[in-house]
Protein backbone atom coordinates (compact mmCIF):
# COMPACT_ATOMS: atom_id res chain seq x y z
CA MET A 1 0.08 -0.24 -0.13
CA GLU A 2 1.20 3.70 -0.12
CA ASN A 3 0.99 6.62 2.19
CA ILE A 4 -2.15 7.30 3.11
CA VAL A 5 -4.49 9.82 4.86
CA ASN A 6 -8.07 9.62 6.01
CA ILE A 7 -9.95 12.77 6.77
CA VAL A 8 -12.50 11.65 9.44
CA ASN A 9 -14.64 14.47 10.91
CA PHE A 10 -17.03 13.17 13.73
CA ILE A 11 -20.18 14.69 14.66
CA ARG A 12 -21.99 15.17 18.09
CA ALA A 13 -25.14 16.90 18.34
CA VAL A 14 -25.35 18.20 21.93
CA GLU A 15 -22.52 19.66 24.18
CA PRO A 16 -23.97 19.77 27.40
CA ARG A 17 -20.86 20.03 29.89
CA PRO A 18 -21.02 23.11 31.68
CA ASP A 19 -17.77 24.67 31.03
CA HIS A 20 -18.35 24.11 27.38
CA PRO A 21 -21.33 26.81 26.89
CA GLY A 22 -22.25 28.20 23.83
CA ILE A 23 -20.65 25.94 21.42
CA ASP A 24 -21.88 26.04 17.71
CA LEU A 25 -22.00 22.24 17.01
CA PHE A 26 -22.85 22.91 13.07
CA GLU A 27 -20.44 25.81 12.11
CA PRO A 28 -17.67 23.57 12.66
CA VAL A 29 -19.09 20.76 9.88
CA ARG A 30 -20.02 23.34 7.42
CA GLU A 31 -16.56 24.82 7.80
CA GLN A 32 -15.22 21.51 6.81
CA MET A 33 -17.54 20.72 4.37
CA ALA A 34 -16.58 23.73 2.67
CA LEU A 35 -12.66 23.08 3.05
CA ALA A 36 -12.90 19.36 1.78
CA LYS A 37 -14.85 20.70 -1.44
CA LYS A 38 -12.50 23.54 -2.03
CA HIS A 39 -9.68 21.02 -2.18
CA ASN A 40 -11.83 18.17 -3.86
CA MET A 41 -10.58 15.98 -0.86
CA PRO A 42 -12.82 12.73 0.06
CA VAL A 43 -13.90 12.44 4.06
CA THR A 44 -15.00 10.11 6.46
CA TRP A 45 -17.99 11.71 8.06
CA LEU A 46 -19.07 9.71 11.59
CA LEU A 47 -22.12 10.59 13.12
CA GLN A 48 -22.76 9.89 17.03
CA TYR A 49 -26.39 8.59 17.79
CA ASP A 50 -27.92 11.93 18.68
CA ALA A 51 -26.82 13.70 15.44
CA LEU A 52 -29.13 11.11 13.48
CA ILE A 53 -32.10 12.21 15.78
CA MET A 54 -31.32 15.96 16.27
CA GLY A 55 -30.40 19.10 14.27
CA PRO A 56 -29.60 19.97 10.95
CA PHE A 57 -26.74 17.22 10.46
CA VAL A 58 -28.20 14.72 8.15
CA ASP A 59 -29.95 16.88 6.24
CA PHE A 60 -26.76 18.72 5.39
CA LEU A 61 -24.64 15.55 4.72
CA LYS A 62 -27.31 14.32 2.39
CA ARG A 63 -27.57 17.45 0.52
CA GLU A 64 -23.79 18.72 0.13
CA MET A 65 -21.88 15.50 0.78
CA PRO A 66 -19.77 15.13 -2.81
CA GLU A 67 -19.58 12.13 -4.53
CA GLY A 68 -16.65 9.91 -3.06
CA HIS A 69 -17.34 10.96 1.01
CA GLU A 70 -18.49 8.19 2.91
CA ILE A 71 -20.61 8.27 6.11
CA GLY A 72 -20.54 6.18 9.10
CA ILE A 73 -21.14 6.01 13.28
CA TRP A 74 -19.24 7.45 15.94
CA PHE A 75 -19.90 4.81 18.37
CA GLU A 76 -19.93 6.76 21.95
CA VAL A 77 -23.33 6.02 24.07
CA VAL A 78 -25.48 9.01 24.86
CA GLN A 79 -28.70 8.98 26.61
CA GLN A 80 -30.96 8.67 23.50
CA ASN A 81 -29.34 5.67 22.41
CA ALA A 82 -29.44 3.97 25.46
CA GLU A 83 -33.14 4.84 26.15
CA ALA A 84 -34.31 3.58 22.76
CA ALA A 85 -32.40 0.49 23.25
CA GLY A 86 -34.36 -0.17 26.69
CA VAL A 87 -30.96 0.76 28.73
CA GLU A 88 -30.82 2.66 31.39
CA TRP A 89 -28.88 5.74 31.38
CA ARG A 90 -26.35 7.01 34.06
CA GLY A 91 -24.77 9.55 32.74
CA ARG A 92 -24.32 12.99 34.49
CA TRP A 93 -25.79 14.80 30.65
CA SER A 94 -27.26 13.28 27.99
CA TRP A 95 -23.46 12.75 26.72
CA ASP A 96 -20.76 11.81 29.20
CA TRP A 97 -17.30 10.74 28.52
CA HIS A 98 -16.82 8.81 31.47
CA THR A 99 -15.95 5.22 30.39
CA ASP A 100 -18.67 3.40 32.75
CA VAL A 101 -21.61 5.35 30.76
CA GLY A 102 -20.10 7.28 27.27
CA PHE A 103 -18.49 3.72 25.68
CA SER A 104 -19.41 0.33 24.92
CA VAL A 105 -17.51 -1.02 27.84
CA GLY A 106 -19.78 0.27 30.35
CA TYR A 107 -22.42 -1.73 29.55
CA THR A 108 -22.55 -5.82 29.45
CA PRO A 109 -22.47 -7.38 26.50
CA GLU A 110 -26.16 -7.88 25.84
CA GLU A 111 -26.67 -4.28 26.00
CA ARG A 112 -24.01 -3.44 23.97
CA GLU A 113 -25.88 -5.15 21.38
CA ARG A 114 -28.93 -3.66 22.23
CA ILE A 115 -27.59 -0.02 21.36
CA ALA A 116 -25.54 -1.40 18.52
CA ASP A 117 -28.96 -2.66 16.90
CA CYS A 118 -30.51 0.81 17.70
CA PHE A 119 -28.02 3.00 16.46
CA VAL A 120 -27.76 0.77 13.20
CA GLU A 121 -31.63 0.96 12.86
CA GLN A 122 -31.27 4.79 13.04
CA PHE A 123 -28.53 5.03 10.69
CA ALA A 124 -30.49 2.88 8.06
CA SER A 125 -33.57 4.84 8.35
CA CYS A 126 -31.75 8.31 7.72
CA PHE A 127 -29.25 6.71 4.62
CA GLY A 128 -31.24 3.96 3.33
CA HIS A 129 -28.29 1.51 4.25
CA LYS A 130 -26.41 0.24 7.08
CA PRO A 131 -22.41 1.61 8.09
CA GLY A 132 -19.69 0.13 6.39
CA VAL A 133 -17.09 2.05 8.87
CA MET A 134 -17.64 2.93 12.81
CA GLY A 135 -15.18 4.71 14.86
CA SER A 136 -14.50 5.48 18.57
CA TRP A 137 -12.07 6.60 21.29
CA LEU A 138 -11.90 2.92 22.68
CA PHE A 139 -14.44 0.11 21.94
CA ASP A 140 -14.50 -3.60 23.24
CA ALA A 141 -13.93 -7.21 21.47
CA HIS A 142 -17.74 -8.08 21.71
CA LEU A 143 -19.04 -4.90 20.45
CA LEU A 144 -16.80 -4.63 17.00
CA ASP A 145 -17.35 -8.34 16.18
CA TYR A 146 -21.02 -8.12 16.78
CA LEU A 147 -21.31 -5.20 14.74
CA HIS A 148 -19.13 -7.06 12.03
CA ARG A 149 -21.20 -10.55 12.36
CA ARG A 150 -24.83 -8.89 12.59
CA HIS A 151 -24.53 -5.68 10.40
CA GLY A 152 -21.44 -5.86 8.24
CA ILE A 153 -19.34 -3.19 10.00
CA THR A 154 -15.86 -3.59 7.54
CA THR A 155 -13.69 -1.23 8.93
CA ALA A 156 -13.01 0.42 12.39
CA CYS A 157 -10.41 3.22 13.87
CA ASN A 158 -9.36 3.86 17.58
CA CYS A 159 -7.45 6.39 19.95
CA LYS A 160 -3.49 6.53 19.66
CA ASP A 161 -1.92 5.77 22.70
CA GLN A 162 -2.29 7.66 25.37
CA TYR A 163 -2.00 7.52 29.31
CA GLY A 164 -4.89 8.69 31.45
CA THR A 165 -5.94 11.13 28.65
CA ASP A 166 -10.02 11.84 29.39
CA GLY A 167 -9.78 9.03 31.94
CA TYR A 168 -8.64 6.08 29.75
CA THR A 169 -5.60 4.45 29.01
CA LEU A 170 -4.42 3.12 25.84
CA TRP A 171 -1.23 1.88 26.53
CA GLY A 172 1.30 -0.54 24.65
CA GLY A 173 -0.45 -1.49 21.58
CA TYR A 174 -0.01 -1.05 17.59
CA TRP A 175 1.61 2.10 17.77
CA ALA A 176 0.41 3.28 14.27
CA ASN A 177 -1.01 2.33 10.91
CA ALA A 178 -3.51 -0.91 11.43
CA TYR A 179 -4.11 -4.10 12.71
CA TYR A 180 -6.56 -6.94 12.89
CA PRO A 181 -7.90 -6.92 16.46
CA ASN A 182 -7.89 -10.20 18.86
CA ARG A 183 -11.47 -11.63 19.55
CA ARG A 184 -10.37 -11.42 22.83
CA ASN A 185 -8.70 -8.22 22.96
CA ALA A 186 -10.19 -5.03 20.80
CA TYR A 187 -6.82 -3.01 21.66
CA LEU A 188 -4.03 -5.78 20.51
CA PRO A 189 -3.58 -7.37 17.13
CA ALA A 190 -4.02 -11.30 17.24
CA GLN A 191 -1.48 -13.67 16.45
CA ARG A 192 -2.87 -16.24 14.51
CA GLU A 193 -5.74 -15.68 11.76
CA GLN A 194 -8.40 -17.74 13.29
CA ASP A 195 -8.10 -15.72 16.13
CA GLN A 196 -8.99 -12.05 15.02
CA ILE A 197 -11.76 -10.15 13.73
CA PRO A 198 -11.73 -9.52 10.08
CA VAL A 199 -12.06 -6.07 10.58
CA PRO A 200 -8.94 -3.82 10.44
CA VAL A 201 -8.64 -1.08 13.18
CA PHE A 202 -6.81 2.10 12.16
CA ARG A 203 -5.04 4.41 14.68
CA MET A 204 -6.31 8.07 15.10
CA LEU A 205 -4.89 11.23 15.52
CA GLY A 206 -1.11 11.08 13.72
CA SER A 207 1.03 11.05 17.24
CA ASP A 208 4.20 12.67 17.28
CA PRO A 209 6.37 9.85 16.87
CA LEU A 210 9.20 11.17 19.17
CA TYR A 211 7.69 13.14 21.86
CA GLN A 212 4.36 11.82 21.91
CA TYR A 213 5.34 8.63 24.32
CA CYS A 214 6.93 10.41 27.02
CA ALA A 215 4.81 13.45 26.90
CA GLY A 216 4.32 15.07 30.02
CA LEU A 217 1.32 14.41 32.51
CA THR A 218 -1.66 16.90 33.55
CA GLU A 219 -4.52 16.77 35.56
CA ASN A 220 -6.36 15.04 32.97
CA GLY A 221 -3.21 12.61 31.71
CA GLN A 222 -0.67 13.12 28.98
CA TRP A 223 -0.49 16.04 26.67
CA VAL A 224 -2.12 15.32 23.10
CA THR A 225 0.91 16.11 20.55
CA THR A 226 -0.93 15.01 17.56
CA LEU A 227 -2.38 16.25 14.28
CA GLU A 228 -5.31 17.40 15.97
CA PRO A 229 -5.42 20.64 14.76
CA ILE A 230 -6.78 21.64 18.31
CA SER A 231 -3.55 19.88 19.80
CA ARG A 232 -1.36 22.75 21.12
CA PRO A 233 0.98 21.38 23.54
CA PRO A 234 4.19 23.21 24.42
CA ASP A 235 5.84 24.29 20.59
CA GLY A 236 4.27 20.76 18.78
CA GLY A 237 0.81 19.47 17.33
CA GLY A 238 -1.50 20.19 14.36
CA GLY A 239 -2.90 23.26 15.89
CA SER A 240 0.48 25.31 17.01
CA ASN A 241 2.58 25.41 13.94
CA PRO A 242 1.88 24.40 10.40
CA GLN A 243 5.52 23.44 10.14
CA TRP A 244 4.80 20.68 12.76
CA SER A 245 1.94 19.28 10.65
CA ARG A 246 4.86 19.34 7.37
CA TRP A 247 7.61 17.57 9.72
CA PHE A 248 4.87 15.10 10.93
CA LEU A 249 3.44 14.07 7.24
CA THR A 250 7.21 14.12 5.94
CA GLU A 251 8.86 12.15 8.62
CA ASN A 252 5.32 9.66 8.41
CA CYS A 253 6.02 8.97 4.94
CA ARG A 254 9.92 8.03 5.18
CA GLU A 255 10.71 4.47 4.03
CA PRO A 256 10.97 1.95 5.46
CA HIS A 257 7.15 1.82 6.44
CA PHE A 258 6.64 -1.82 4.91
CA ALA A 259 2.91 -2.50 4.65
CA LEU A 260 1.91 1.35 4.86
CA SER A 261 2.14 4.81 6.41
CA TYR A 262 -1.27 5.85 7.77
CA ALA A 263 -2.34 9.46 9.10
CA GLN A 264 -5.75 10.54 10.37
CA ALA A 265 -6.29 14.33 9.83
CA GLY A 266 -9.75 16.14 10.22
CA GLN A 267 -11.72 17.00 13.91
CA GLU A 268 -14.55 16.46 15.68
CA ASN A 269 -17.12 19.10 15.99
CA SER A 270 -17.53 19.45 19.65
CA PHE A 271 -14.17 21.63 20.11
CA GLY A 272 -16.01 24.69 18.12
CA TRP A 273 -14.79 25.85 14.84
CA PRO A 274 -12.45 29.18 16.25
CA ALA A 275 -10.61 26.69 17.89
CA MET A 276 -9.87 24.18 14.94
CA ARG A 277 -9.62 26.59 11.87
CA ASP A 278 -6.10 27.98 11.81
CA GLY A 279 -4.72 24.63 12.29
CA LEU A 280 -7.36 22.77 10.05
CA ILE A 281 -6.83 25.25 6.92
CA ALA A 282 -3.15 24.82 7.33
CA GLN A 283 -3.37 21.37 7.25
CA PHE A 284 -5.62 21.21 4.17
CA ASP A 285 -3.14 23.44 2.35
CA ILE A 286 -0.35 20.92 3.25
CA LEU A 287 -2.20 18.06 2.11
CA ASP A 288 -3.16 19.20 -0.75
CA GLU A 289 0.81 20.23 -1.82
CA PHE A 290 1.62 16.74 -0.66
CA ARG A 291 -1.12 14.51 -2.62
CA ARG A 292 0.06 17.08 -5.45
CA ASP A 293 3.53 16.06 -5.42
CA GLY A 294 2.30 12.39 -5.41
CA ARG A 295 3.77 11.80 -1.50
CA ILE A 296 0.17 10.89 -0.36
CA ARG A 297 -2.83 9.11 -1.10
CA ILE A 298 -6.28 10.92 0.79
CA GLU A 299 -9.21 8.16 0.49
CA THR A 300 -11.85 7.45 3.03
CA LEU A 301 -11.33 5.00 5.81
CA GLY A 302 -13.71 2.53 4.34
CA GLU A 303 -11.67 2.69 0.83
CA THR A 304 -8.27 2.30 2.80
CA GLY A 305 -9.89 -0.53 4.97
CA HIS A 306 -10.98 -2.70 1.96
CA ARG A 307 -7.32 -2.31 0.44
CA PHE A 308 -6.37 -3.52 3.79
CA ARG A 309 -8.20 -6.61 3.91
CA THR A 310 -7.54 -7.54 -0.08
CA ALA A 311 -3.21 -7.05 0.72
CA PHE A 312 -2.96 -8.69 4.23
CA PRO A 313 -4.95 -11.89 5.49
CA THR A 314 -3.10 -11.06 8.77
CA THR A 315 -1.65 -8.08 10.68
CA PRO A 316 1.46 -7.27 8.74
CA VAL A 317 4.56 -5.61 9.62
CA SER A 318 5.30 -1.75 9.50
CA ALA A 319 7.12 0.68 10.70
CA VAL A 320 7.50 4.62 11.42
CA VAL A 321 10.95 5.77 10.89
CA THR A 322 12.17 9.38 12.15
CA LEU A 323 15.36 10.57 11.80
CA ASP A 324 14.76 14.79 11.49
CA ASP A 325 13.71 16.16 14.99
CA TRP A 326 11.50 19.16 14.73
CA LYS A 327 12.79 20.18 18.34
CA ARG A 328 16.31 20.12 16.86
CA GLN A 329 17.36 18.25 19.84
CA ASN A 330 19.30 15.33 18.15
CA ARG A 331 16.92 12.76 18.62
CA ALA A 332 15.54 10.02 16.14
CA GLY A 333 13.51 6.97 16.57
CA ILE A 334 12.52 3.85 14.91
CA TRP A 335 9.00 1.88 15.84
CA TYR A 336 9.04 -1.54 14.77
CA LEU A 337 5.47 -2.97 14.55
CA CYS A 338 4.17 -6.82 14.20
CA ARG A 339 1.28 -9.10 14.99
CA ASN A 340 3.92 -10.69 18.17
CA GLY A 341 4.69 -6.74 19.84
CA ARG A 342 6.14 -3.64 19.15
CA GLN A 343 9.68 -1.86 19.61
CA ASN A 344 11.00 1.35 19.85
CA LEU A 345 14.82 2.10 19.10
CA PHE A 346 15.38 5.70 20.05
CA ARG A 347 18.46 7.88 19.85
CA GLU A 348 18.04 10.41 22.97
CA ALA A 349 19.23 13.62 23.21
CA ASP A 350 22.84 12.58 24.04
CA ARG A 351 22.86 10.75 20.68
CA THR A 352 23.05 7.08 22.65
CA LEU A 353 20.87 4.24 21.51
CA SER A 354 18.36 2.57 23.65
CA ILE A 355 15.45 0.42 23.09
CA ARG A 356 12.85 2.70 24.98
CA ASP A 357 9.77 0.99 24.60
CA TRP A 358 9.16 -3.07 23.79
CA GLN A 359 6.05 -4.77 24.30
CA ILE A 360 4.52 -8.00 23.36
CA PHE A 361 0.74 -9.21 22.37
CA SER A 362 -0.67 -12.36 23.02
CA ASP A 363 -4.13 -14.02 22.47
CA ASP A 364 -4.42 -15.47 25.62
CA TYR A 365 -3.86 -11.81 27.54
CA THR A 366 -7.69 -11.07 27.27
CA GLU A 367 -9.30 -7.54 27.89
CA ASP A 368 -11.12 -6.82 31.31
CA PHE A 369 -14.53 -5.83 29.54
CA LEU A 370 -15.03 -8.83 27.11
CA LYS A 371 -17.50 -10.34 29.45
CA ARG A 372 -18.33 -7.73 32.03
CA ARG A 373 -18.87 -3.99 32.09
CA CYS A 374 -16.49 -1.37 33.31
CA THR A 375 -17.78 0.50 36.58
CA THR A 376 -15.67 3.18 36.93
CA SER A 377 -15.11 6.37 35.44
CA ALA A 378 -11.81 5.71 33.90
CA CYS A 379 -10.15 2.31 32.36
CA THR A 380 -7.10 0.73 30.99
CA TYR A 381 -6.41 -1.30 28.09
CA ASP A 382 -2.60 -2.24 27.68
CA ALA A 383 -0.05 -4.99 26.28
CA LEU A 384 2.52 -7.02 28.17
CA PRO A 385 5.57 -4.89 28.79
CA ILE A 386 9.16 -6.21 28.33
CA MET A 387 10.38 -2.26 28.72
CA ASP A 388 8.41 0.74 29.43
CA GLY A 389 10.54 3.77 29.22
CA MET A 390 7.90 5.87 30.31
CA LEU A 391 6.04 4.27 33.05
CA TRP A 392 9.29 2.45 34.89
CA HIS A 393 11.23 6.06 34.49
CA PRO A 394 14.36 5.96 34.37
CA ALA A 395 14.37 2.83 32.14
CA MET A 396 15.52 1.79 29.11
CA ILE A 397 17.77 -1.29 27.36
CA ARG A 398 20.70 1.14 26.29
CA PHE A 399 23.13 -0.08 23.69
CA SER A 400 26.73 0.43 25.22
CA GLY A 401 29.49 2.26 23.10
CA GLY A 402 28.75 5.88 23.39
CA PRO A 403 27.27 8.24 20.76
CA GLY A 404 26.69 7.69 17.31
CA GLU A 405 23.97 7.90 14.38
CA PHE A 406 21.92 5.49 12.27
CA SER A 407 24.12 4.77 9.27
CA GLY A 408 21.55 2.46 7.59
CA ILE A 409 17.86 1.14 8.01
CA ASP A 410 16.72 -1.09 4.89
CA ARG A 411 13.67 -3.12 4.69
CA ILE A 412 15.03 -6.66 3.74
CA ASP A 413 11.77 -8.56 3.17
CA ASP A 414 8.34 -7.94 3.95
CA GLU A 415 8.68 -8.91 7.61
CA THR A 416 12.68 -7.72 8.82
CA MET A 417 14.36 -4.39 9.06
CA GLU A 418 17.93 -4.06 9.47
CA ILE A 419 19.49 -1.20 11.30
CA ARG A 420 23.28 0.05 11.01
CA TRP A 421 24.72 1.60 14.37
CA ARG A 422 27.80 3.71 14.11
CA THR A 423 29.08 5.33 17.17
CA ASP A 424 31.42 8.56 16.83
CA SER A 425 34.37 5.72 17.39
CA GLY A 426 33.66 3.82 14.12
CA ARG A 427 32.18 0.50 15.94
CA VAL A 428 29.33 -0.47 14.03
CA THR A 429 26.20 -2.71 15.43
CA GLN A 430 23.82 -4.46 13.15
CA ILE A 431 20.23 -4.55 14.58
CA THR A 432 17.95 -7.24 13.27
CA LEU A 433 14.05 -6.63 14.09
CA LYS A 434 11.84 -9.92 13.19
CA PRO A 435 8.21 -10.71 14.40
CA ASP A 436 10.31 -13.75 15.96
CA GLY A 437 12.80 -11.81 18.19
CA LEU A 438 15.78 -9.38 18.22
CA ARG A 439 19.23 -9.69 16.84
CA ILE A 440 22.31 -7.87 17.20
CA ALA A 441 25.63 -8.32 15.58
CA PHE A 442 28.52 -6.25 17.73
CA ASP A 443 31.91 -5.69 16.26
CA ASP A 444 33.48 -4.86 19.68
CA ASP A 445 34.49 -7.51 22.46
CA SER A 446 32.92 -5.35 25.20
CA ALA A 447 29.60 -4.59 23.51
CA HIS A 448 26.45 -5.09 25.38
CA LEU A 449 22.99 -3.89 26.37
CA GLU A 450 22.13 -2.61 29.76
CA PHE A 451 18.94 -2.99 30.90
CA ARG A 452 17.96 -0.73 33.85
CA PHE A 453 14.46 0.49 35.18
CA ASN A 454 13.06 1.56 38.56
CA PRO A 455 11.52 -1.77 39.98
CA ALA A 456 9.33 0.36 42.30
CA ALA A 457 7.68 2.20 39.20
CA ALA A 458 7.60 -1.09 37.46
CA GLN A 459 5.50 -2.34 40.60
CA ARG A 460 3.12 0.51 40.80
CA HIS A 461 1.97 -0.30 37.37
CA SER A 462 1.61 -3.84 38.07
CA THR A 463 4.39 -5.36 36.22
CA GLY A 464 6.88 -7.87 38.56
CA ILE A 465 10.12 -8.93 37.00
CA GLU A 466 12.59 -11.79 38.53
CA PHE A 467 15.91 -13.31 36.82
CA ARG A 468 15.19 -17.11 37.04
CA ASP A 469 16.84 -19.96 35.48
CA GLY A 470 18.93 -17.32 32.93
CA GLU A 471 15.72 -15.61 32.32
CA LEU A 472 13.60 -12.73 32.87
CA LYS A 473 10.21 -13.96 34.04
CA TYR A 474 7.39 -11.15 33.98
CA ARG A 475 3.88 -11.24 35.47
CA HIS A 476 1.70 -8.15 34.23
CA ARG A 477 -1.55 -8.43 36.04
CA ASN A 478 -0.75 -11.66 36.86
CA PHE A 479 -0.09 -12.77 33.24
CA PRO A 480 3.26 -14.67 33.09
CA TYR A 481 5.88 -14.09 30.07
CA ARG A 482 9.59 -14.28 30.02
CA LEU A 483 12.82 -12.39 27.83
CA VAL A 484 15.11 -15.26 26.88
CA ALA A 485 18.49 -14.98 25.27
CA ARG A 486 18.50 -17.68 22.72
CA SER A 487 22.22 -16.45 21.85
CA GLY A 488 24.12 -14.53 24.61
CA ARG A 489 22.94 -14.42 28.34
CA ILE A 490 20.90 -12.46 30.83
CA VAL A 491 23.14 -11.44 33.76
CA PRO A 492 21.74 -9.63 36.88
CA VAL A 493 23.96 -6.21 38.30
CA ALA A 494 23.60 -3.88 40.95
CA ASP A 495 20.83 -1.95 38.90
CA GLY A 496 19.37 -4.49 36.55
CA PHE A 497 20.92 -6.50 34.37
CA ASP A 498 23.28 -6.76 31.57
CA LEU A 499 22.57 -8.55 28.04
CA LEU A 500 25.98 -9.91 27.01
CA PRO A 501 26.35 -11.54 23.55
CA ALA A 502 28.21 -14.83 22.87
CA GLY A 503 30.60 -14.75 19.93
CA HIS A 504 29.78 -10.91 19.22
CA HIS A 505 25.94 -12.21 18.69
CA LEU A 506 22.95 -11.63 21.00
CA HIS A 507 19.48 -12.71 20.14
CA LEU A 508 16.63 -12.20 22.38
CA VAL A 509 13.20 -13.32 22.42
CA ALA A 510 10.19 -12.14 24.37
CA GLU A 511 7.41 -14.79 24.67
CA PRO A 512 4.35 -15.51 26.72
CA GLU A 513 5.03 -18.59 28.88
CA ARG A 514 3.77 -21.94 27.58
CA ASN A 515 2.10 -24.18 30.10
């Protein structure tokens, strides 16, 4: 596939929060449509249930939507949808973002089905057909599987990784692009085709690949450093500076990205037009330029989902390679993503190299809300961490040898990435990333990896690590897995572990414990 951008605008008909008075919810939709027509760009419009039964939105889209646009559903639960399905509404207002009322996880599986049936029936009565695409900041596997089997949903999108923002945490999953979710965990890719829901899920918003991961925490969770035109963290984000948007799209398209590079532009209407206007207008100009230059393809979410399903029977390998730092602080990074897990190689500001993040996925790691409902205002979806540089801070797996540069990054085949790291002293390390593990070839007798972390921080985030039988034994939220050196060895040291090669070679495999 190519460098893909979807423009996704989703529409709410109510904004009842007392601290958001007087927002005009129709003005953003009208202006977004005008921008799309001006630039002749296809858009995916996702409607919340209230927007199907209230306001001018349905009539406006029927009248104004050009050929090539599409309409789907934005699956957050509102009072009208719940009550129409005969389900008790427990929200503070008619729309409430708390996870126990505003999202599917807040309802029993049977209630989710009734709410979905009612939603799809109303959509079909408005547009004469069922929706093919759906989006939500988060959703459970039972809902997605039901929407696919019963109602024919073919493509979905969910929120990018974030810690605590708006009360929900999505942490450790498939960082960017798209994956086929596990039937027991909608947030994580399935490892086996028979265990996957055959609906590709695309990660929304377009996260800053260098700075979103360790973005600072506020009272509302992490800063949001993304392509959103209302995103204005310090210095970056799609609403702060058009040059950041240009940088993001340039780096997002950098080869090798394997299966595809993907970004989602657009904005929900409930922020109001004044907050998004400048950032969105600038982004459309940049998107138009990149499209004319042949650097990106702009299409609807449904079109991208169709081409993904045609090309890939299971979740493919993809990557995000970022070699230019918009802050000019020497940072660079590589996200390697596959159906078994993800790794983030990161050049720090001091130009040393580390594995900042390493997560693994398992078909047996079941989400909390597959069969029961969430009863709290916040919830967590996560993966199985081998290294978590954000939550276990200070934490990293550092390459010895001092500062250096990426001297080569190559795609060897559909699943293999080969990276050459050259230190300032001239030593070269070859790093091979594959779905079955990490292989490193050193040219220095003393070279090794230094695994350093904060055990107390790891424990606070439900991860225990123990060295036993030459392996690192993990238990995250009571799920067992391990890190094994197939070539080389793991040695305990005072402040962590050293990962030592055998004959200049180190082969590390992270996997669930097998019974």
